[in-house]
Amino acid sequence: MALDSGDTAWVLASTAMVMLMTPGVGLFYGGLVRSKTVVSMIGLSFLAFALASVQWIVFGYSLAFGPDIGGIIGGLDFLGLSGVGIESAPLAATIPHLLYMAFQLVFAAVTLAILTSAVAERIKLSSFIVLALLWTTLVYDPLAHWVWAGGWLAKLGALDFAGGTVVHISSGFSALALAIVIGRRTGFGSYVMEPHNIPMSMIGAGLLWFGWFGFNAGSALTAGGLAASAFVVTNTSAAAGALAWLAASWMKGKPSALGMVSGGIAGLVAITPAAGYVDAVSSLIIGAAAGVLCYTALLFRVSRGLDESLDAWAVHGMGGLWGAIATGIFASPAVNAYSGLLYGDVGQFVAQVLAAAVSVVYAFGVTYLLARAVDSVMGLRVSEDEEYVGLDIATHGEKAYA
């Protein structure tokens, strides 16, 4: 099949939109931390993008999307982008291989940025760099291969249109493991650590909502009807999630503006694996359920005293888990060539549950081991004095505000 200029233009635009999500994560997280660590928090997202970009070019893309080896990992055929040129991509015949590689690169980068939630205000920069490279190589790349590049979960029939398992379950449950290993911030639970700039977080959420159209609709890899359907259900689920979280927080007190945008992100997360398989009505249900589920997960996290306070686990982990399972429930043959439980295919539902469970266990387990290893060799945390001063000054020698 020949390259198509319309498909190429759409995926180019989608790649740029998804890239914008990484600084969007930085702004969202930056507003949620204290003013003495906002430069550090936003900086971690930019650092994640740079690290993932280099790793992906050198060997990450080859491990994730190289020729399948036993369903477990890709071969080394594409090391240093060897053989990756302007010809048709093996998995997307109407766009250049280089463009397909770049589109997948920005997914890897934003996934790593989401993981920074777990280490807010207390990670050593050197330790983050080492952990980030290990995590992208040993967690993200294998999961991407299993689901998107002919690996064993794909052969099992598991569906993940744009990253419910690969991006959101992996980053969310990895954040949970990493938060357990690194421990609470000094003073956590003894005094309130309030977000220092909620408008900044809302701007970040707006950038994420915008970028998500490239994330989901771009994953159609063509400028056609499937992209249009994914675009509509993405927006619908986000809106339903925002309203559901707003209502849930209102029932417990004040209607939270931060909660509303968090619910929007929850709806975006949940629709991600299902975006190319479900219709608009189903996306309303998926998004609304995600808003309530992720808000409940946040309350559970707070009740347990766990300092994963930017809530990658509650929003991305639990939202991605629900979205992966919901794909097996609501997938409609009127949208794509797959049927979920509601349309009589029990096997598809079972495949989704199994893929979600495997992703949870693998991401959590490997991340826990990697974090323990880095902590034992280098130490994950800054000193208590550095944490007290704040990482903006202690690590970067810079201040966000005069």
Protein backbone atom coordinates (compact mmCIF):
# COMPACT_ATOMS: atom_id res chain seq x y z
CA MET A 1 0.00 0.00 0.00
CA ALA A 2 1.30 3.46 -0.93
CA LEU A 3 1.96 6.28 1.48
CA ASP A 4 -1.04 8.57 1.92
CA SER A 5 -0.50 12.31 2.35
CA GLY A 6 -3.69 12.77 4.37
CA ASP A 7 -2.82 10.00 6.80
CA THR A 8 0.73 11.28 7.07
CA ALA A 9 -0.43 14.83 7.79
CA TRP A 10 -2.87 13.65 10.46
CA VAL A 11 -0.33 11.49 12.28
CA LEU A 12 2.27 14.29 12.09
CA ALA A 13 -0.24 16.63 13.75
CA SER A 14 -1.20 13.95 16.29
CA THR A 15 2.44 13.38 17.18
CA ALA A 16 2.88 17.07 17.93
CA MET A 17 -0.33 17.08 20.00
CA VAL A 18 0.80 14.11 22.08
CA MET A 19 4.19 15.76 22.62
CA LEU A 20 2.35 18.71 24.19
CA MET A 21 0.88 16.34 26.76
CA THR A 22 4.25 15.89 28.48
CA PRO A 23 4.65 19.57 29.49
CA GLY A 24 0.90 19.38 30.21
CA VAL A 25 1.64 16.68 32.78
CA GLY A 26 4.40 18.91 34.16
CA LEU A 27 2.04 21.86 34.62
CA PHE A 28 -0.69 19.67 36.10
CA TYR A 29 1.72 18.16 38.61
CA GLY A 30 3.57 21.45 39.13
CA GLY A 31 0.47 23.17 40.39
CA LEU A 32 -0.21 20.37 42.86
CA VAL A 33 3.11 20.58 44.70
CA ARG A 34 4.42 23.31 47.01
CA SER A 35 5.93 26.46 45.55
CA LYS A 36 9.45 25.44 46.57
CA THR A 37 9.39 22.41 44.23
CA VAL A 38 7.43 23.55 41.19
CA VAL A 39 10.51 24.05 38.98
CA SER A 40 11.69 20.57 39.91
CA MET A 41 8.30 19.01 39.21
CA ILE A 42 7.85 20.58 35.78
CA GLY A 43 11.51 19.88 35.05
CA LEU A 44 11.01 16.16 35.65
CA SER A 45 8.49 16.04 32.81
CA PHE A 46 10.86 17.78 30.40
CA LEU A 47 13.65 15.47 31.57
CA ALA A 48 11.39 12.46 31.02
CA PHE A 49 10.77 13.58 27.46
CA ALA A 50 14.47 14.01 26.75
CA LEU A 51 15.45 10.69 28.31
CA ALA A 52 12.70 8.74 26.55
CA SER A 53 13.54 10.39 23.22
CA VAL A 54 17.18 9.31 23.33
CA GLN A 55 16.44 5.83 24.70
CA TRP A 56 13.78 5.29 22.02
CA ILE A 57 16.10 6.24 19.15
CA VAL A 58 19.06 4.18 20.38
CA PHE A 59 17.31 0.92 21.29
CA GLY A 60 13.84 1.40 22.83
CA TYR A 61 11.91 1.42 19.56
CA SER A 62 13.68 -1.74 18.46
CA LEU A 63 12.86 -3.55 21.73
CA ALA A 64 9.22 -2.49 21.53
CA PHE A 65 8.52 -2.74 17.79
CA GLY A 66 11.31 -4.82 16.35
CA PRO A 67 10.55 -8.27 14.87
CA ASP A 68 8.88 -10.45 17.48
CA ILE A 69 11.03 -12.83 19.53
CA GLY A 70 8.88 -15.46 21.20
CA GLY A 71 6.06 -13.02 21.90
CA ILE A 72 8.18 -11.41 24.64
CA ILE A 73 10.31 -8.66 23.10
CA GLY A 74 11.30 -7.12 19.80
CA GLY A 75 14.55 -7.92 18.03
CA LEU A 76 17.47 -5.54 17.61
CA ASP A 77 16.92 -4.91 13.90
CA PHE A 78 16.06 -1.24 14.46
CA LEU A 79 18.96 -0.28 16.76
CA GLY A 80 19.84 3.37 16.16
CA LEU A 81 16.89 3.45 13.75
CA SER A 82 18.66 1.13 11.35
CA GLY A 83 16.18 0.32 8.60
CA VAL A 84 13.69 2.92 9.83
CA GLY A 85 13.25 5.37 6.97
CA ILE A 86 10.66 7.12 4.86
CA GLU A 87 9.19 3.92 3.46
CA SER A 88 5.87 2.53 4.73
CA ALA A 89 5.80 1.45 8.37
CA PRO A 90 5.39 -2.31 8.94
CA LEU A 91 2.39 -1.69 11.22
CA ALA A 92 0.96 1.34 9.40
CA ALA A 93 1.32 1.03 5.64
CA THR A 94 0.09 4.52 4.68
CA ILE A 95 2.55 6.55 6.78
CA PRO A 96 6.38 6.65 6.82
CA HIS A 97 8.16 4.31 9.20
CA LEU A 98 10.00 7.28 10.74
CA LEU A 99 6.69 8.93 11.53
CA TYR A 100 5.28 5.78 13.13
CA MET A 101 8.42 5.59 15.26
CA ALA A 102 8.05 9.25 16.31
CA PHE A 103 4.36 8.77 17.15
CA GLN A 104 5.24 5.88 19.42
CA LEU A 105 8.12 7.87 20.93
CA VAL A 106 5.83 10.57 22.32
CA PHE A 107 3.68 7.88 23.94
CA ALA A 108 6.72 6.46 25.73
CA ALA A 109 7.72 9.93 26.89
CA VAL A 110 4.38 10.96 28.38
CA THR A 111 4.11 7.59 30.15
CA LEU A 112 7.41 8.22 31.90
CA ALA A 113 6.28 11.74 32.81
CA ILE A 114 3.13 10.37 34.47
CA LEU A 115 5.32 8.17 36.67
CA THR A 116 6.94 11.25 38.26
CA SER A 117 3.80 11.61 40.39
CA ALA A 118 5.23 9.01 42.77
CA VAL A 119 8.42 10.90 43.62
CA ALA A 120 7.19 14.48 43.95
CA GLU A 121 9.41 16.75 46.08
CA ARG A 122 11.86 14.04 47.22
CA ILE A 123 13.71 12.29 44.37
CA LYS A 124 17.44 12.65 43.67
CA LEU A 125 17.89 13.79 40.10
CA SER A 126 20.67 11.30 39.37
CA SER A 127 18.61 8.45 40.76
CA PHE A 128 15.61 9.49 38.68
CA ILE A 129 17.69 9.42 35.50
CA VAL A 130 18.92 5.88 36.18
CA LEU A 131 15.50 4.64 37.27
CA ALA A 132 13.78 6.27 34.29
CA LEU A 133 16.05 4.57 31.76
CA LEU A 134 15.69 1.20 33.48
CA TRP A 135 11.92 1.56 33.76
CA THR A 136 11.39 2.55 30.13
CA THR A 137 13.55 -0.36 28.99
CA LEU A 138 12.26 -3.09 31.29
CA VAL A 139 8.63 -2.09 31.86
CA TYR A 140 7.34 0.12 29.05
CA ASP A 141 9.12 -1.47 26.09
CA PRO A 142 8.07 -5.08 26.84
CA LEU A 143 4.46 -4.07 27.51
CA ALA A 144 4.32 -2.10 24.27
CA HIS A 145 5.61 -5.14 22.41
CA TRP A 146 3.19 -7.55 24.10
CA VAL A 147 0.15 -5.45 23.17
CA TRP A 148 0.96 -3.46 20.02
CA ALA A 149 3.69 -5.30 18.14
CA GLY A 150 2.57 -8.90 17.87
CA GLY A 151 3.53 -9.98 21.38
CA TRP A 152 1.81 -12.64 23.40
CA LEU A 153 -1.06 -10.49 24.67
CA ALA A 154 -1.85 -9.38 21.13
CA LYS A 155 -1.88 -13.02 20.01
CA LEU A 156 -4.24 -13.74 22.88
CA GLY A 157 -6.64 -11.21 21.37
CA ALA A 158 -6.29 -8.38 23.90
CA LEU A 159 -7.31 -4.94 22.61
CA ASP A 160 -5.71 -1.65 23.58
CA PHE A 161 -6.43 1.06 21.03
CA ALA A 162 -4.21 3.81 22.44
CA GLY A 163 -2.62 2.74 25.72
CA GLY A 164 -4.92 1.72 28.57
CA THR A 165 -2.57 -1.07 29.56
CA VAL A 166 0.69 0.09 27.97
CA VAL A 167 0.50 3.71 29.16
CA HIS A 168 -1.95 4.07 32.03
CA ILE A 169 -1.94 0.79 33.92
CA SER A 170 1.85 0.66 33.57
CA SER A 171 2.49 4.19 34.83
CA GLY A 172 -0.24 4.15 37.47
CA PHE A 173 0.63 0.88 39.17
CA SER A 174 4.34 1.57 38.75
CA ALA A 175 3.76 4.87 40.57
CA LEU A 176 2.11 2.95 43.40
CA ALA A 177 5.13 0.64 43.73
CA LEU A 178 7.60 3.51 43.52
CA ALA A 179 5.73 5.56 46.15
CA ILE A 180 5.84 2.60 48.54
CA VAL A 181 9.59 2.22 48.10
CA ILE A 182 10.58 5.90 48.30
CA GLY A 183 8.34 6.60 51.28
CA ARG A 184 6.42 9.66 52.42
CA ARG A 185 7.66 13.20 52.22
CA THR A 186 9.05 14.58 55.47
CA GLY A 187 6.14 15.91 57.50
CA PHE A 188 3.49 14.17 55.40
CA GLY A 189 0.44 13.62 57.58
CA SER A 190 1.70 16.00 60.26
CA TYR A 191 0.71 19.14 58.41
CA VAL A 192 -1.23 20.01 55.26
CA MET A 193 0.70 20.05 51.98
CA GLU A 194 -1.73 21.95 49.78
CA PRO A 195 -1.41 22.54 46.02
CA HIS A 196 0.29 25.89 45.54
CA ASN A 197 -1.32 26.84 42.20
CA ILE A 198 -4.59 25.20 41.18
CA PRO A 199 -5.00 27.39 38.05
CA MET A 200 -1.64 26.02 36.81
CA SER A 201 -2.95 22.48 37.26
CA MET A 202 -6.15 23.35 35.40
CA ILE A 203 -4.14 24.76 32.48
CA GLY A 204 -2.11 21.55 32.45
CA ALA A 205 -5.32 19.51 32.40
CA GLY A 206 -6.57 21.59 29.47
CA LEU A 207 -3.41 20.83 27.52
CA LEU A 208 -3.85 17.15 28.31
CA TRP A 209 -7.46 17.18 27.08
CA PHE A 210 -6.35 18.85 23.85
CA GLY A 211 -3.40 16.51 23.33
CA TRP A 212 -5.55 13.47 23.99
CA PHE A 213 -7.32 13.95 20.66
CA GLY A 214 -3.98 13.21 19.02
CA PHE A 215 -3.38 10.40 21.51
CA ASN A 216 -6.62 8.55 20.75
CA ALA A 217 -7.80 9.71 17.34
CA GLY A 218 -4.21 9.66 16.10
CA SER A 219 -3.99 5.99 17.05
CA ALA A 220 -6.31 5.19 14.16
CA LEU A 221 -3.19 5.97 12.06
CA THR A 222 -5.47 7.09 9.24
CA ALA A 223 -7.43 10.28 8.60
CA GLY A 224 -10.78 8.56 8.28
CA GLY A 225 -13.95 7.49 10.00
CA LEU A 226 -12.26 5.55 12.78
CA ALA A 227 -10.26 8.64 13.77
CA ALA A 228 -13.48 10.68 13.81
CA SER A 229 -15.21 8.12 16.01
CA ALA A 230 -12.25 7.98 18.41
CA PHE A 231 -12.21 11.80 18.55
CA VAL A 232 -15.90 12.00 19.53
CA VAL A 233 -15.83 9.26 22.18
CA THR A 234 -12.66 10.75 23.68
CA ASN A 235 -14.33 14.10 24.27
CA THR A 236 -17.56 12.49 25.47
CA SER A 237 -15.85 10.30 28.05
CA ALA A 238 -13.77 13.22 29.34
CA ALA A 239 -16.86 15.38 29.77
CA ALA A 240 -18.73 12.61 31.56
CA GLY A 241 -15.78 11.98 33.86
CA ALA A 242 -15.46 15.66 34.72
CA LEU A 243 -19.14 15.96 35.61
CA ALA A 244 -19.17 12.71 37.60
CA TRP A 245 -16.17 13.69 39.75
CA LEU A 246 -17.61 17.19 40.23
CA ALA A 247 -20.90 15.71 41.43
CA ALA A 248 -19.18 13.20 43.71
CA SER A 249 -17.05 15.90 45.36
CA TRP A 250 -20.09 18.17 45.68
CA MET A 251 -21.94 15.44 47.58
CA LYS A 252 -19.11 15.42 50.14
CA GLY A 253 -18.85 19.21 50.48
CA LYS A 254 -17.76 21.81 47.94
CA PRO A 255 -17.79 21.17 44.18
CA SER A 256 -14.06 20.96 43.48
CA ALA A 257 -12.72 22.66 40.35
CA LEU A 258 -9.52 20.63 40.65
CA GLY A 259 -11.66 17.54 41.07
CA MET A 260 -13.60 18.41 37.93
CA VAL A 261 -10.47 18.54 35.75
CA SER A 262 -9.13 15.41 37.46
CA GLY A 263 -12.38 13.70 36.52
CA GLY A 264 -11.88 14.86 32.96
CA ILE A 265 -8.45 13.20 32.94
CA ALA A 266 -9.98 10.06 34.48
CA GLY A 267 -12.50 9.92 31.64
CA LEU A 268 -9.72 10.41 29.09
CA VAL A 269 -7.67 7.62 30.66
CA ALA A 270 -10.58 5.18 30.73
CA ILE A 271 -11.61 5.72 27.11
CA THR A 272 -8.04 5.36 25.82
CA PRO A 273 -8.01 1.55 25.35
CA ALA A 274 -11.60 1.59 24.06
CA ALA A 275 -11.50 4.66 21.80
CA GLY A 276 -11.45 2.72 18.54
CA TYR A 277 -13.99 0.12 19.57
CA VAL A 278 -16.97 1.78 21.32
CA ASP A 279 -19.74 4.20 20.44
CA ALA A 280 -20.64 7.54 22.01
CA VAL A 281 -23.29 6.21 24.41
CA SER A 282 -20.86 3.62 25.76
CA SER A 283 -18.23 6.33 26.20
CA LEU A 284 -20.64 8.27 28.41
CA ILE A 285 -20.92 5.25 30.71
CA ILE A 286 -17.18 4.58 30.66
CA GLY A 287 -16.31 8.20 31.47
CA ALA A 288 -18.89 8.66 34.22
CA ALA A 289 -17.88 5.41 35.90
CA ALA A 290 -14.23 6.44 35.67
CA GLY A 291 -14.92 9.76 37.39
CA VAL A 292 -16.57 8.06 40.36
CA LEU A 293 -14.13 5.15 40.50
CA CYS A 294 -11.00 7.32 40.39
CA TYR A 295 -12.40 9.75 42.98
CA THR A 296 -13.13 6.77 45.24
CA ALA A 297 -9.58 5.47 44.68
CA LEU A 298 -8.20 8.88 45.69
CA LEU A 299 -10.22 8.81 48.92
CA PHE A 300 -8.95 5.29 49.61
CA ARG A 301 -5.35 6.42 49.02
CA VAL A 302 -5.82 9.31 51.44
CA SER A 303 -7.38 7.04 54.08
CA ARG A 304 -4.36 4.73 53.87
CA GLY A 305 -1.89 7.59 54.33
CA LEU A 306 -0.05 6.79 51.10
CA ASP A 307 2.00 9.68 49.74
CA GLU A 308 1.28 9.20 46.04
CA SER A 309 -0.37 12.55 46.28
CA LEU A 310 -0.49 13.55 42.62
CA ASP A 311 -2.60 10.44 42.11
CA ALA A 312 -1.13 8.66 39.10
CA TRP A 313 -2.33 5.42 40.67
CA ALA A 314 -5.86 6.63 41.45
CA VAL A 315 -6.41 8.29 38.06
CA HIS A 316 -4.17 6.53 35.54
CA GLY A 317 -3.82 3.15 37.22
CA MET A 318 -7.42 2.61 38.24
CA GLY A 319 -8.82 4.51 35.25
CA GLY A 320 -6.71 2.45 32.88
CA LEU A 321 -7.74 -0.78 34.62
CA TRP A 322 -11.41 0.10 34.27
CA GLY A 323 -10.94 1.18 30.65
CA ALA A 324 -9.22 -2.05 29.66
CA ILE A 325 -12.03 -4.11 31.19
CA ALA A 326 -14.71 -1.80 29.78
CA THR A 327 -13.31 -2.38 26.29
CA GLY A 328 -14.18 -6.05 26.74
CA ILE A 329 -17.70 -5.08 27.77
CA PHE A 330 -18.66 -2.34 25.32
CA ALA A 331 -16.67 -3.06 22.13
CA SER A 332 -19.16 -2.74 19.28
CA PRO A 333 -18.97 -4.40 15.86
CA ALA A 334 -20.69 -1.30 14.46
CA VAL A 335 -17.52 0.68 15.26
CA ASN A 336 -14.79 -1.87 14.61
CA ALA A 337 -14.50 -5.58 13.91
CA TYR A 338 -14.69 -6.63 17.57
CA SER A 339 -17.51 -7.47 19.95
CA GLY A 340 -17.54 -7.11 23.72
CA LEU A 341 -19.53 -8.89 26.37
CA LEU A 342 -22.67 -6.88 25.59
CA TYR A 343 -22.53 -8.18 22.02
CA GLY A 344 -22.02 -11.81 23.00
CA ASP A 345 -18.23 -12.28 22.95
CA VAL A 346 -17.22 -13.64 26.35
CA GLY A 347 -13.76 -14.49 25.02
CA GLN A 348 -12.95 -10.86 24.33
CA PHE A 349 -13.94 -9.90 27.86
CA VAL A 350 -11.74 -12.64 29.31
CA ALA A 351 -8.81 -11.51 27.15
CA GLN A 352 -9.21 -7.95 28.42
CA VAL A 353 -9.33 -8.99 32.06
CA LEU A 354 -6.26 -11.18 31.64
CA ALA A 355 -4.28 -8.46 29.83
CA ALA A 356 -5.19 -5.92 32.51
CA ALA A 357 -4.24 -8.27 35.34
CA VAL A 358 -0.91 -9.19 33.73
CA SER A 359 -0.10 -5.51 33.15
CA VAL A 360 -0.86 -4.64 36.78
CA VAL A 361 1.28 -7.42 38.18
CA TYR A 362 4.17 -6.90 35.77
CA ALA A 363 4.32 -3.10 36.10
CA PHE A 364 4.01 -3.11 39.87
CA GLY A 365 6.39 -6.01 40.45
CA VAL A 366 9.20 -4.95 38.13
CA THR A 367 9.02 -1.32 39.23
CA TYR A 368 9.18 -2.33 42.87
CA LEU A 369 12.33 -4.37 42.21
CA LEU A 370 13.93 -1.63 40.12
CA ALA A 371 13.20 1.01 42.77
CA ARG A 372 14.65 -1.19 45.50
CA ALA A 373 17.77 -1.80 43.42
CA VAL A 374 18.36 1.89 42.65
CA ASP A 375 17.67 2.82 46.26
CA SER A 376 20.20 0.29 47.56
CA VAL A 377 22.92 1.42 45.14
CA MET A 378 22.37 5.19 44.87
CA GLY A 379 19.61 6.13 47.26
CA LEU A 380 16.35 7.45 45.83
CA ARG A 381 15.78 10.38 48.16
CA VAL A 382 17.44 13.71 48.71
CA SER A 383 18.52 14.54 52.25
CA GLU A 384 16.03 15.84 54.79
CA ASP A 385 17.70 19.27 54.67
CA GLU A 386 17.41 19.41 50.89
CA GLU A 387 13.78 18.39 51.09
CA TYR A 388 13.13 21.11 53.67
CA VAL A 389 14.75 23.79 51.48
CA GLY A 390 12.96 22.50 48.41
CA LEU A 391 14.32 20.86 45.28
CA ASP A 392 14.10 24.03 43.21
CA ILE A 393 16.96 25.53 45.20
CA ALA A 394 18.64 22.37 46.49
CA THR A 395 18.81 20.60 43.12
CA HIS A 396 18.55 23.28 40.45
CA GLY A 397 19.62 26.47 42.19
CA GLU A 398 16.56 28.18 40.75
CA LYS A 399 13.32 29.67 42.10
CA ALA A 400 9.87 29.72 40.55
CA TYR A 401 8.82 32.97 42.20
CA ALA A 402 10.61 36.07 43.40
